[in-house]
Amino acid sequence: MELRTFIHYGLHFIFPLLIALLFYRKSWKMTYLVFILCMLIDLDHMLATPIFEANRCSINFHPLHTYYAIAVYVGFLFFKKTRILGIGLLMHILADSVDCWMM
């Protein structure tokens, strides 16, 4: 497996688990579930042709990966009710940005 793929999927699955365990110890299972559900923003890949392109940078290409969407995700951090969702979405963007940096 290539290093970029390992880092990308590690950030999608392992990093959120560590954040949930470290910062949301009492509710880590629910927090981790929300973090994993944040991967649903990848449904916007269905709008692209081709749907999957190994060497494509998702950031600012897909609608839910644009800088405008990222600004909304940052806004989620300021409200307690949406903070975990914002963290999850931003971790997802961070994981996807690895493809941009390591191309």
Protein backbone atom coordinates (compact mmCIF):
# COMPACT_ATOMS: atom_id res chain seq x y z
CA MET A 1 0.00 0.00 0.00
CA GLU A 2 1.38 3.40 -0.86
CA LEU A 3 2.16 5.88 1.92
CA ARG A 4 -0.41 8.45 0.75
CA THR A 5 -3.23 5.89 0.95
CA PHE A 6 -2.12 4.75 4.41
CA ILE A 7 -2.02 8.34 5.73
CA HIS A 8 -5.33 9.22 4.05
CA TYR A 9 -7.31 6.33 5.52
CA GLY A 10 -5.49 6.53 8.85
CA LEU A 11 -6.70 10.11 9.14
CA HIS A 12 -10.22 8.99 8.20
CA PHE A 13 -10.48 6.20 10.78
CA ILE A 14 -7.66 6.17 13.36
CA PHE A 15 -7.23 9.91 14.00
CA PRO A 16 -10.97 10.44 14.73
CA LEU A 17 -10.89 7.49 17.13
CA LEU A 18 -7.96 9.02 19.00
CA ILE A 19 -9.68 12.42 19.18
CA ALA A 20 -12.89 10.79 20.45
CA LEU A 21 -11.00 8.81 23.10
CA LEU A 22 -8.84 11.72 24.24
CA PHE A 23 -11.36 14.55 24.33
CA TYR A 24 -14.77 12.88 24.59
CA ARG A 25 -13.97 10.00 26.92
CA LYS A 26 -17.46 9.70 28.43
CA SER A 27 -19.22 9.65 25.07
CA TRP A 28 -16.43 8.44 22.81
CA LYS A 29 -18.54 5.81 21.01
CA MET A 30 -21.23 8.28 19.93
CA THR A 31 -18.61 10.90 19.10
CA TYR A 32 -16.65 8.43 16.98
CA LEU A 33 -19.88 7.42 15.21
CA VAL A 34 -20.56 11.07 14.34
CA PHE A 35 -16.97 11.43 13.10
CA ILE A 36 -17.37 8.37 10.87
CA LEU A 37 -20.76 9.58 9.61
CA CYS A 38 -19.02 12.77 8.49
CA MET A 39 -17.64 10.69 5.63
CA LEU A 40 -21.07 11.00 4.05
CA ILE A 41 -19.89 14.31 2.60
CA ASP A 42 -18.10 12.11 0.09
CA LEU A 43 -21.48 11.54 -1.54
CA ASP A 44 -20.69 14.68 -3.52
CA HIS A 45 -18.14 12.59 -5.41
CA MET A 46 -21.13 11.06 -7.19
CA LEU A 47 -21.51 14.36 -9.07
CA ALA A 48 -18.05 14.09 -10.63
CA THR A 49 -17.03 12.32 -13.80
CA PRO A 50 -15.34 9.97 -13.21
CA ILE A 51 -16.71 9.37 -9.72
CA PHE A 52 -13.29 8.30 -8.43
CA GLU A 53 -9.99 9.66 -9.69
CA ALA A 54 -6.97 8.47 -7.72
CA ASN A 55 -4.89 11.57 -8.46
CA ARG A 56 -7.61 14.20 -8.01
CA CYS A 57 -7.52 16.73 -5.19
CA SER A 58 -11.01 16.77 -3.65
CA ILE A 59 -10.50 20.13 -1.97
CA ASN A 60 -12.37 22.85 -3.86
CA PHE A 61 -13.38 20.33 -6.53
CA HIS A 62 -16.45 18.67 -5.02
CA PRO A 63 -19.31 20.87 -3.68
CA LEU A 64 -19.04 19.74 -0.04
CA HIS A 65 -15.25 20.09 -0.17
CA THR A 66 -15.16 23.74 -1.31
CA TYR A 67 -13.64 26.57 0.68
CA TYR A 68 -17.17 27.91 1.27
CA ALA A 69 -18.27 24.59 2.77
CA ILE A 70 -15.11 24.46 4.87
CA ALA A 71 -15.95 27.94 6.23
CA VAL A 72 -19.34 26.59 7.33
CA TYR A 73 -17.63 23.62 9.01
CA VAL A 74 -15.37 26.05 10.90
CA GLY A 75 -18.50 27.97 11.92
CA PHE A 76 -19.88 24.77 13.46
CA LEU A 77 -17.03 24.88 15.99
CA PHE A 78 -18.50 27.97 17.66
CA PHE A 79 -21.72 26.27 18.74
CA LYS A 80 -21.80 23.48 21.30
CA LYS A 81 -24.59 21.59 19.49
CA THR A 82 -22.64 21.42 16.21
CA ARG A 83 -19.06 21.31 17.51
CA ILE A 84 -18.55 17.54 17.18
CA LEU A 85 -19.99 17.64 13.67
CA GLY A 86 -17.65 20.51 12.77
CA ILE A 87 -14.65 18.67 14.15
CA GLY A 88 -15.59 15.54 12.21
CA LEU A 89 -16.09 17.40 8.95
CA LEU A 90 -12.81 19.28 9.33
CA MET A 91 -10.96 16.05 10.10
CA HIS A 92 -12.46 14.64 6.92
CA ILE A 93 -11.24 17.67 4.95
CA LEU A 94 -7.80 17.27 6.54
CA ALA A 95 -7.69 13.62 5.50
CA ASP A 96 -8.73 14.48 1.94
CA SER A 97 -6.18 17.28 1.74
CA VAL A 98 -3.40 14.70 2.11
CA ASP A 99 -4.15 13.73 -1.50
CA CYS A 100 -3.51 17.34 -2.54
CA TRP A 101 -0.23 17.63 -0.64
CA MET A 102 1.24 14.29 -1.68
CA MET A 103 0.40 14.32 -5.39
